[in-house]
């Protein structure tokens, strides 16, 4: 029951994080296009687009990382995982999840410290607090922790890795 609840929350939250990352990427591309048009076609450079693009890319990376953690793409120990079966593979998965979670807890903790430290500084060109940019670290890491836990608990992720029909042909 609790596992199903965690997996359902993960589907919603990781999906939201990845969707938001995709929107941030699309906006960054549009702003980059506008920046080129404003500078080279209109000869009136836009002073705020570069900062906005950097902000969007930071959020895109840290929110998109949740999708990578959910699929297991962030920590690759494929050789060891393929060599192990049953309980040994489960132990390795738990160790990977614990190490990833430990790192992500550190990112949330230190990210929050940085967010609080820079909350009174403003981004040049946008006149918004710098903490909006730095908040991508703890927020993204929190989404990643949910994805790591869901990957560990999801029986589907175990089945797809052991199904030989899903192996890549070279």
N, C-alpha and C. Protein backbone atom coordinates (compact mmCIF):
# COMPACT_ATOMS: atom_id res chain seq x y z
N UNK A 1 0.82 -1.20 0.00
CA UNK A 1 0.00 0.00 0.00
C UNK A 1 0.86 1.26 0.00
N UNK A 2 1.83 1.32 0.92
CA UNK A 2 2.68 2.50 1.00
C UNK A 2 3.59 2.60 -0.23
N UNK A 3 4.02 1.45 -0.75
CA UNK A 3 4.85 1.46 -1.95
C UNK A 3 4.07 1.99 -3.13
N UNK A 4 2.82 1.58 -3.26
CA UNK A 4 1.98 2.09 -4.35
C UNK A 4 1.78 3.60 -4.23
N UNK A 5 1.62 4.07 -3.02
CA UNK A 5 1.46 5.50 -2.79
C UNK A 5 2.73 6.27 -3.17
N UNK A 6 3.89 5.73 -2.80
CA UNK A 6 5.16 6.37 -3.16
C UNK A 6 5.34 6.37 -4.67
N UNK A 7 5.02 5.25 -5.33
CA UNK A 7 5.17 5.18 -6.79
C UNK A 7 4.19 6.11 -7.50
N UNK A 8 2.98 6.24 -6.96
CA UNK A 8 2.01 7.17 -7.56
C UNK A 8 2.49 8.61 -7.39
N UNK A 9 2.99 8.94 -6.21
CA UNK A 9 3.53 10.29 -5.99
C UNK A 9 4.72 10.54 -6.90
N UNK A 10 5.55 9.52 -7.08
CA UNK A 10 6.70 9.66 -7.97
C UNK A 10 6.26 9.92 -9.41
N UNK A 11 5.26 9.20 -9.87
CA UNK A 11 4.79 9.42 -11.25
C UNK A 11 4.37 10.87 -11.45
N UNK A 12 3.65 11.39 -10.48
CA UNK A 12 3.17 12.78 -10.59
C UNK A 12 4.33 13.76 -10.45
N UNK A 13 5.13 13.61 -9.40
CA UNK A 13 6.18 14.59 -9.10
C UNK A 13 7.33 14.54 -10.11
N UNK A 14 7.79 13.34 -10.45
CA UNK A 14 8.86 13.25 -11.43
C UNK A 14 8.36 13.69 -12.80
N UNK A 15 7.14 13.33 -13.13
CA UNK A 15 6.55 13.81 -14.38
C UNK A 15 6.47 15.32 -14.42
N UNK A 16 6.06 15.92 -13.31
CA UNK A 16 6.00 17.38 -13.22
C UNK A 16 7.38 18.00 -13.35
N UNK A 17 8.37 17.40 -12.69
CA UNK A 17 9.74 17.92 -12.76
C UNK A 17 10.27 17.85 -14.19
N UNK A 18 10.06 16.73 -14.87
CA UNK A 18 10.56 16.57 -16.24
C UNK A 18 9.80 17.50 -17.19
N UNK A 19 8.49 17.63 -17.01
CA UNK A 19 7.72 18.55 -17.85
C UNK A 19 8.20 19.99 -17.66
N UNK A 20 8.43 20.38 -16.43
CA UNK A 20 8.93 21.72 -16.15
C UNK A 20 10.31 21.93 -16.76
N UNK A 21 11.15 20.90 -16.72
CA UNK A 21 12.47 20.99 -17.34
C UNK A 21 12.34 21.16 -18.85
N UNK A 22 11.41 20.46 -19.46
CA UNK A 22 11.21 20.60 -20.91
C UNK A 22 10.71 22.00 -21.26
N UNK A 23 9.81 22.53 -20.46
CA UNK A 23 9.32 23.89 -20.69
C UNK A 23 10.45 24.90 -20.52
N UNK A 24 11.30 24.69 -19.50
CA UNK A 24 12.44 25.59 -19.29
C UNK A 24 13.38 25.54 -20.49
N UNK A 25 13.60 24.35 -21.05
CA UNK A 25 14.45 24.23 -22.24
C UNK A 25 13.84 24.99 -23.42
N UNK A 26 12.54 24.79 -23.63
CA UNK A 26 11.87 25.48 -24.74
C UNK A 26 11.95 27.00 -24.58
N UNK A 27 11.72 27.48 -23.36
CA UNK A 27 11.82 28.92 -23.12
C UNK A 27 13.24 29.43 -23.31
N UNK A 28 14.23 28.65 -22.88
CA UNK A 28 15.62 29.07 -23.06
C UNK A 28 15.96 29.17 -24.55
N UNK A 29 15.46 28.23 -25.34
CA UNK A 29 15.70 28.28 -26.78
C UNK A 29 15.04 29.51 -27.39
N UNK A 30 13.80 29.76 -27.01
CA UNK A 30 13.09 30.93 -27.54
C UNK A 30 13.79 32.24 -27.14
N UNK A 31 14.22 32.31 -25.89
CA UNK A 31 14.93 33.52 -25.45
C UNK A 31 16.28 33.66 -26.16
N UNK A 32 16.94 32.54 -26.40
CA UNK A 32 18.19 32.59 -27.16
C UNK A 32 17.97 33.09 -28.58
N UNK A 33 16.89 32.63 -29.18
CA UNK A 33 16.54 33.10 -30.52
C UNK A 33 16.24 34.61 -30.49
N UNK A 34 15.46 35.03 -29.50
CA UNK A 34 15.15 36.46 -29.39
C UNK A 34 16.41 37.28 -29.16
N UNK A 35 17.33 36.74 -28.37
CA UNK A 35 18.57 37.46 -28.09
C UNK A 35 19.35 37.69 -29.39
N UNK A 36 19.42 36.69 -30.25
CA UNK A 36 20.13 36.82 -31.53
C UNK A 36 19.41 37.83 -32.43
N UNK A 37 18.08 37.71 -32.51
CA UNK A 37 17.31 38.64 -33.35
C UNK A 37 17.47 40.08 -32.84
N UNK A 38 17.35 40.28 -31.54
CA UNK A 38 17.45 41.63 -30.98
C UNK A 38 18.83 42.22 -31.21
N UNK A 39 19.85 41.41 -31.06
CA UNK A 39 21.21 41.93 -31.19
C UNK A 39 21.61 42.17 -32.64
N UNK A 40 21.37 41.18 -33.50
CA UNK A 40 21.93 41.26 -34.85
C UNK A 40 20.95 41.74 -35.92
N UNK A 41 19.66 41.61 -35.68
CA UNK A 41 18.69 42.09 -36.66
C UNK A 41 18.20 43.48 -36.29
N UNK A 42 17.81 43.64 -35.01
CA UNK A 42 17.27 44.92 -34.57
C UNK A 42 18.35 45.88 -34.06
N UNK A 43 19.57 45.37 -33.88
CA UNK A 43 20.69 46.16 -33.35
C UNK A 43 20.37 46.79 -31.99
N UNK A 44 19.54 46.10 -31.22
CA UNK A 44 19.17 46.55 -29.87
C UNK A 44 19.27 45.36 -28.92
N UNK A 45 20.46 45.08 -28.40
CA UNK A 45 20.62 43.90 -27.55
C UNK A 45 19.69 43.93 -26.33
N UNK A 46 19.18 42.80 -26.01
CA UNK A 46 18.29 42.67 -24.86
C UNK A 46 19.13 42.37 -23.62
N UNK A 47 19.11 43.22 -22.62
CA UNK A 47 20.01 43.05 -21.47
C UNK A 47 19.60 41.93 -20.51
N UNK A 48 18.38 41.47 -20.60
CA UNK A 48 17.89 40.51 -19.61
C UNK A 48 17.86 39.07 -20.11
N UNK A 49 17.96 38.84 -21.41
CA UNK A 49 17.76 37.48 -21.92
C UNK A 49 18.86 36.52 -21.51
N UNK A 50 20.11 36.97 -21.48
CA UNK A 50 21.19 36.06 -21.12
C UNK A 50 21.04 35.54 -19.70
N UNK A 51 20.69 36.42 -18.79
CA UNK A 51 20.49 36.03 -17.40
C UNK A 51 19.28 35.10 -17.28
N UNK A 52 18.22 35.41 -18.00
CA UNK A 52 17.03 34.55 -17.97
C UNK A 52 17.34 33.16 -18.52
N UNK A 53 18.13 33.10 -19.57
CA UNK A 53 18.51 31.80 -20.14
C UNK A 53 19.32 31.00 -19.12
N UNK A 54 20.26 31.64 -18.45
CA UNK A 54 21.06 30.94 -17.43
C UNK A 54 20.17 30.41 -16.31
N UNK A 55 19.21 31.21 -15.88
CA UNK A 55 18.28 30.79 -14.84
C UNK A 55 17.46 29.58 -15.30
N UNK A 56 16.95 29.65 -16.51
CA UNK A 56 16.14 28.55 -17.05
C UNK A 56 16.96 27.27 -17.21
N UNK A 57 18.19 27.40 -17.65
CA UNK A 57 19.04 26.22 -17.83
C UNK A 57 19.37 25.58 -16.48
N UNK A 58 19.60 26.39 -15.47
CA UNK A 58 19.86 25.83 -14.13
C UNK A 58 18.67 25.01 -13.66
N UNK A 59 17.47 25.57 -13.79
CA UNK A 59 16.28 24.83 -13.39
C UNK A 59 16.07 23.59 -14.25
N UNK A 60 16.33 23.72 -15.55
CA UNK A 60 16.16 22.59 -16.46
C UNK A 60 17.06 21.42 -16.04
N UNK A 61 18.31 21.71 -15.74
CA UNK A 61 19.26 20.66 -15.39
C UNK A 61 18.86 19.97 -14.09
N UNK A 62 18.57 20.75 -13.07
CA UNK A 62 18.31 20.14 -11.77
C UNK A 62 16.94 19.45 -11.71
N UNK A 63 15.95 19.95 -12.42
CA UNK A 63 14.67 19.25 -12.47
C UNK A 63 14.73 18.04 -13.40
N UNK A 64 15.43 18.18 -14.51
CA UNK A 64 15.57 17.07 -15.45
C UNK A 64 16.36 15.91 -14.86
N UNK A 65 17.22 16.20 -13.91
CA UNK A 65 18.00 15.14 -13.26
C UNK A 65 17.09 14.13 -12.56
N UNK A 66 15.92 14.56 -12.13
CA UNK A 66 14.97 13.62 -11.50
C UNK A 66 14.60 12.51 -12.47
N UNK A 67 14.39 12.86 -13.73
CA UNK A 67 14.09 11.85 -14.73
C UNK A 67 15.25 10.89 -14.94
N UNK A 68 16.46 11.43 -14.91
CA UNK A 68 17.64 10.57 -15.06
C UNK A 68 17.79 9.62 -13.87
N UNK A 69 17.59 10.13 -12.67
CA UNK A 69 17.67 9.26 -11.50
C UNK A 69 16.57 8.20 -11.54
N UNK A 70 15.40 8.56 -12.01
CA UNK A 70 14.28 7.61 -12.04
C UNK A 70 14.56 6.45 -13.00
N UNK A 71 15.24 6.74 -14.10
CA UNK A 71 15.53 5.67 -15.06
C UNK A 71 16.83 4.95 -14.73
N UNK A 72 17.56 5.42 -13.73
CA UNK A 72 18.81 4.78 -13.35
C UNK A 72 19.97 5.21 -14.22
N UNK A 73 19.81 6.27 -14.97
CA UNK A 73 20.86 6.72 -15.88
C UNK A 73 21.93 7.55 -15.18
N UNK A 74 21.68 7.98 -13.97
CA UNK A 74 22.61 8.89 -13.30
C UNK A 74 23.83 8.16 -12.73
N UNK A 75 23.63 6.97 -12.20
CA UNK A 75 24.73 6.22 -11.62
C UNK A 75 24.84 4.93 -12.42
N UNK A 76 25.86 4.85 -13.23
CA UNK A 76 25.97 3.70 -14.12
C UNK A 76 27.03 2.73 -13.62
N UNK A 77 26.57 1.59 -13.17
CA UNK A 77 27.45 0.49 -12.77
C UNK A 77 26.94 -0.77 -13.47
N UNK A 78 26.68 -0.63 -14.76
CA UNK A 78 26.06 -1.70 -15.53
C UNK A 78 26.85 -3.00 -15.49
N UNK A 79 28.15 -2.91 -15.60
CA UNK A 79 28.97 -4.13 -15.62
C UNK A 79 28.78 -4.93 -14.33
N UNK A 80 28.85 -4.24 -13.22
CA UNK A 80 28.66 -4.92 -11.93
C UNK A 80 27.23 -5.44 -11.79
N UNK A 81 26.25 -4.66 -12.22
CA UNK A 81 24.86 -5.09 -12.10
C UNK A 81 24.57 -6.31 -12.95
N UNK A 82 25.15 -6.35 -14.15
CA UNK A 82 24.91 -7.51 -15.03
C UNK A 82 25.57 -8.75 -14.49
N UNK A 83 26.67 -8.60 -13.78
CA UNK A 83 27.37 -9.75 -13.23
C UNK A 83 26.65 -10.32 -12.01
N UNK A 84 25.85 -9.51 -11.37
CA UNK A 84 25.16 -9.93 -10.15
C UNK A 84 23.74 -10.36 -10.43
N UNK A 85 23.25 -11.28 -9.64
CA UNK A 85 21.87 -11.77 -9.76
C UNK A 85 21.23 -11.79 -8.37
N UNK A 86 19.93 -11.77 -8.35
CA UNK A 86 19.15 -11.96 -7.12
C UNK A 86 19.48 -10.99 -6.01
N UNK A 87 19.78 -11.57 -4.85
CA UNK A 87 20.00 -10.76 -3.65
C UNK A 87 21.23 -9.85 -3.77
N UNK A 88 22.27 -10.33 -4.43
CA UNK A 88 23.47 -9.50 -4.59
C UNK A 88 23.17 -8.24 -5.40
N UNK A 89 22.34 -8.38 -6.44
CA UNK A 89 21.96 -7.21 -7.24
C UNK A 89 21.11 -6.27 -6.41
N UNK A 90 20.22 -6.82 -5.60
CA UNK A 90 19.39 -5.99 -4.74
C UNK A 90 20.25 -5.21 -3.74
N UNK A 91 21.25 -5.88 -3.18
CA UNK A 91 22.16 -5.20 -2.24
C UNK A 91 22.89 -4.06 -2.95
N UNK A 92 23.36 -4.31 -4.17
CA UNK A 92 24.02 -3.26 -4.94
C UNK A 92 23.06 -2.10 -5.21
N UNK A 93 21.82 -2.42 -5.56
CA UNK A 93 20.83 -1.36 -5.80
C UNK A 93 20.59 -0.52 -4.55
N UNK A 94 20.54 -1.17 -3.40
CA UNK A 94 20.33 -0.45 -2.14
C UNK A 94 21.54 0.45 -1.84
N UNK A 95 22.75 -0.07 -2.09
CA UNK A 95 23.96 0.73 -1.86
C UNK A 95 23.97 1.94 -2.79
N UNK A 96 23.62 1.73 -4.06
CA UNK A 96 23.57 2.84 -5.02
C UNK A 96 22.53 3.87 -4.58
N UNK A 97 21.36 3.40 -4.18
CA UNK A 97 20.30 4.31 -3.74
C UNK A 97 20.73 5.07 -2.48
N UNK A 98 21.38 4.39 -1.56
CA UNK A 98 21.84 5.04 -0.33
C UNK A 98 22.90 6.09 -0.63
N UNK A 99 23.85 5.76 -1.49
CA UNK A 99 24.90 6.72 -1.85
C UNK A 99 24.30 7.92 -2.58
N UNK A 100 23.39 7.65 -3.50
CA UNK A 100 22.75 8.75 -4.24
C UNK A 100 21.95 9.63 -3.30
N UNK A 101 21.19 9.01 -2.41
CA UNK A 101 20.38 9.78 -1.46
C UNK A 101 21.26 10.60 -0.52
N UNK A 102 22.36 10.01 -0.07
CA UNK A 102 23.29 10.75 0.79
C UNK A 102 23.82 11.99 0.09
N UNK A 103 24.21 11.82 -1.17
CA UNK A 103 24.69 12.97 -1.95
C UNK A 103 23.58 14.00 -2.12
N UNK A 104 22.37 13.55 -2.43
CA UNK A 104 21.26 14.48 -2.66
C UNK A 104 20.86 15.21 -1.39
N UNK A 105 20.94 14.54 -0.25
CA UNK A 105 20.68 15.22 1.03
C UNK A 105 21.69 16.34 1.23
N UNK A 106 22.95 16.07 0.90
CA UNK A 106 23.98 17.08 1.00
C UNK A 106 23.69 18.27 0.07
N UNK A 107 23.22 17.98 -1.14
CA UNK A 107 22.88 19.05 -2.08
C UNK A 107 21.71 19.88 -1.56
N UNK A 108 20.68 19.22 -1.01
CA UNK A 108 19.55 19.97 -0.45
C UNK A 108 20.01 20.85 0.70
N UNK A 109 20.78 20.28 1.59
CA UNK A 109 21.25 21.01 2.77
C UNK A 109 22.11 22.21 2.38
N UNK A 110 23.16 21.97 1.58
CA UNK A 110 24.04 23.06 1.19
C UNK A 110 23.35 24.03 0.23
N UNK A 111 22.48 23.51 -0.63
CA UNK A 111 21.72 24.38 -1.53
C UNK A 111 20.83 25.33 -0.76
N UNK A 112 20.19 24.82 0.28
CA UNK A 112 19.33 25.68 1.10
C UNK A 112 20.16 26.77 1.79
N UNK A 113 21.35 26.41 2.26
CA UNK A 113 22.23 27.39 2.91
C UNK A 113 22.58 28.51 1.91
N UNK A 114 22.91 28.12 0.68
CA UNK A 114 23.26 29.12 -0.34
C UNK A 114 22.04 29.98 -0.68
N UNK A 115 20.87 29.37 -0.80
CA UNK A 115 19.65 30.12 -1.11
C UNK A 115 19.41 31.18 -0.04
N UNK A 116 19.55 30.81 1.22
CA UNK A 116 19.34 31.77 2.30
C UNK A 116 20.43 32.86 2.31
N UNK A 117 21.65 32.47 1.95
CA UNK A 117 22.76 33.43 1.98
C UNK A 117 22.62 34.51 0.92
N UNK A 118 22.08 34.18 -0.25
CA UNK A 118 22.02 35.15 -1.36
C UNK A 118 20.63 35.76 -1.54
N UNK A 119 19.76 35.56 -0.59
CA UNK A 119 18.37 36.00 -0.78
C UNK A 119 18.19 37.51 -0.93
N UNK A 120 19.18 38.30 -0.50
CA UNK A 120 19.05 39.75 -0.59
C UNK A 120 19.76 40.33 -1.81
N UNK A 121 20.40 39.47 -2.60
CA UNK A 121 21.07 39.93 -3.82
C UNK A 121 20.12 39.76 -5.00
N UNK A 122 20.22 40.65 -5.97
CA UNK A 122 19.36 40.57 -7.16
C UNK A 122 20.16 40.19 -8.39
N UNK A 123 19.49 39.50 -9.31
CA UNK A 123 20.09 39.16 -10.60
C UNK A 123 20.10 40.41 -11.49
N UNK A 124 21.25 40.70 -12.06
CA UNK A 124 21.35 41.85 -12.96
C UNK A 124 20.49 41.60 -14.19
N UNK A 125 19.75 42.58 -14.59
CA UNK A 125 18.94 42.47 -15.80
C UNK A 125 17.53 42.01 -15.53
N UNK A 126 17.33 41.20 -14.50
CA UNK A 126 15.98 40.70 -14.20
C UNK A 126 15.39 41.34 -12.95
N UNK A 127 16.26 41.85 -12.08
CA UNK A 127 15.84 42.47 -10.83
C UNK A 127 14.96 41.54 -9.99
N UNK A 128 15.38 40.28 -9.93
CA UNK A 128 14.74 39.30 -9.04
C UNK A 128 15.83 38.73 -8.14
N UNK A 129 15.48 38.19 -6.98
CA UNK A 129 16.50 37.65 -6.09
C UNK A 129 17.31 36.52 -6.73
N UNK A 130 18.61 36.52 -6.47
CA UNK A 130 19.49 35.46 -6.94
C UNK A 130 19.06 34.11 -6.38
N UNK A 131 18.43 34.15 -5.24
CA UNK A 131 17.99 32.90 -4.61
C UNK A 131 17.02 32.12 -5.49
N UNK A 132 16.32 32.79 -6.41
CA UNK A 132 15.44 32.07 -7.34
C UNK A 132 16.23 31.13 -8.22
N UNK A 133 17.43 31.54 -8.59
CA UNK A 133 18.28 30.67 -9.41
C UNK A 133 18.86 29.54 -8.56
N UNK A 134 19.39 29.88 -7.40
CA UNK A 134 20.02 28.88 -6.55
C UNK A 134 19.01 27.89 -5.96
N UNK A 135 17.76 28.25 -5.91
CA UNK A 135 16.74 27.34 -5.38
C UNK A 135 16.60 26.09 -6.25
N UNK A 136 17.12 26.13 -7.47
CA UNK A 136 17.08 24.95 -8.34
C UNK A 136 17.83 23.78 -7.71
N UNK A 137 18.88 24.04 -6.94
CA UNK A 137 19.65 22.97 -6.33
C UNK A 137 18.84 22.18 -5.31
N UNK A 138 18.34 22.80 -4.24
CA UNK A 138 17.61 21.99 -3.26
C UNK A 138 16.29 21.44 -3.80
N UNK A 139 15.60 22.21 -4.63
CA UNK A 139 14.33 21.73 -5.18
C UNK A 139 14.57 20.55 -6.11
N UNK A 140 15.52 20.68 -7.01
CA UNK A 140 15.83 19.60 -7.93
C UNK A 140 16.31 18.35 -7.20
N UNK A 141 17.17 18.53 -6.20
CA UNK A 141 17.67 17.39 -5.43
C UNK A 141 16.54 16.70 -4.67
N UNK A 142 15.56 17.45 -4.18
CA UNK A 142 14.42 16.84 -3.49
C UNK A 142 13.61 15.97 -4.47
N UNK A 143 13.39 16.47 -5.67
CA UNK A 143 12.71 15.66 -6.69
C UNK A 143 13.53 14.41 -7.02
N UNK A 144 14.84 14.56 -7.07
CA UNK A 144 15.71 13.42 -7.37
C UNK A 144 15.64 12.36 -6.27
N UNK A 145 15.54 12.78 -5.02
CA UNK A 145 15.44 11.81 -3.92
C UNK A 145 14.17 10.97 -4.04
N UNK A 146 13.08 11.59 -4.42
CA UNK A 146 11.83 10.86 -4.64
C UNK A 146 12.02 9.85 -5.76
N UNK A 147 12.69 10.27 -6.83
CA UNK A 147 12.92 9.38 -7.97
C UNK A 147 13.83 8.21 -7.60
N UNK A 148 14.85 8.46 -6.78
CA UNK A 148 15.76 7.38 -6.35
C UNK A 148 14.98 6.35 -5.52
N UNK A 149 14.17 6.83 -4.60
CA UNK A 149 13.38 5.92 -3.77
C UNK A 149 12.40 5.12 -4.62
N UNK A 150 11.73 5.79 -5.55
CA UNK A 150 10.77 5.09 -6.40
C UNK A 150 11.45 4.05 -7.28
N UNK A 151 12.62 4.36 -7.80
CA UNK A 151 13.35 3.39 -8.63
C UNK A 151 13.70 2.16 -7.82
N UNK A 152 14.10 2.37 -6.57
CA UNK A 152 14.46 1.24 -5.72
C UNK A 152 13.25 0.37 -5.41
N UNK A 153 12.09 1.00 -5.21
CA UNK A 153 10.88 0.26 -4.81
C UNK A 153 10.08 -0.29 -5.98
N UNK A 154 10.32 0.20 -7.18
CA UNK A 154 9.51 -0.16 -8.34
C UNK A 154 9.87 -1.54 -8.89
N UNK A 155 8.93 -2.49 -8.83
CA UNK A 155 9.22 -3.82 -9.38
C UNK A 155 9.39 -3.80 -10.90
N UNK A 156 8.80 -2.82 -11.56
CA UNK A 156 8.94 -2.71 -13.03
C UNK A 156 10.38 -2.43 -13.43
N UNK A 157 11.09 -1.61 -12.65
CA UNK A 157 12.48 -1.29 -13.00
C UNK A 157 13.36 -2.53 -12.89
N UNK A 158 13.03 -3.44 -11.98
CA UNK A 158 13.79 -4.68 -11.86
C UNK A 158 13.49 -5.61 -13.03
N UNK A 159 12.24 -5.67 -13.42
CA UNK A 159 11.85 -6.59 -14.50
C UNK A 159 12.48 -6.16 -15.83
N UNK A 160 12.45 -4.88 -16.11
CA UNK A 160 12.98 -4.42 -17.40
C UNK A 160 14.48 -4.64 -17.51
N UNK A 161 15.17 -4.63 -16.38
CA UNK A 161 16.62 -4.83 -16.41
C UNK A 161 16.98 -6.30 -16.57
N UNK A 162 16.09 -7.19 -16.19
CA UNK A 162 16.43 -8.61 -16.29
C UNK A 162 15.81 -9.25 -17.52
N UNK A 163 14.99 -8.52 -18.25
CA UNK A 163 14.34 -9.05 -19.45
C UNK A 163 15.34 -9.02 -20.61
N UNK A 164 15.78 -10.21 -21.10
CA UNK A 164 16.78 -10.22 -22.16
C UNK A 164 16.27 -9.65 -23.48
N UNK A 165 14.96 -9.60 -23.69
CA UNK A 165 14.43 -9.04 -24.93
C UNK A 165 14.65 -7.54 -25.01
N UNK A 166 14.96 -6.88 -23.87
CA UNK A 166 15.17 -5.45 -23.87
C UNK A 166 16.65 -5.09 -24.01
N UNK A 167 17.53 -6.08 -24.11
CA UNK A 167 18.96 -5.82 -24.30
C UNK A 167 19.19 -5.15 -25.64
N UNK A 168 20.12 -4.26 -25.71
CA UNK A 168 20.44 -3.57 -26.95
C UNK A 168 21.31 -4.47 -27.83
N UNK A 169 20.93 -4.57 -29.08
CA UNK A 169 21.70 -5.36 -30.04
C UNK A 169 22.78 -4.48 -30.66
N UNK A 170 24.02 -4.95 -30.71
CA UNK A 170 25.10 -4.18 -31.33
C UNK A 170 25.61 -4.91 -32.54
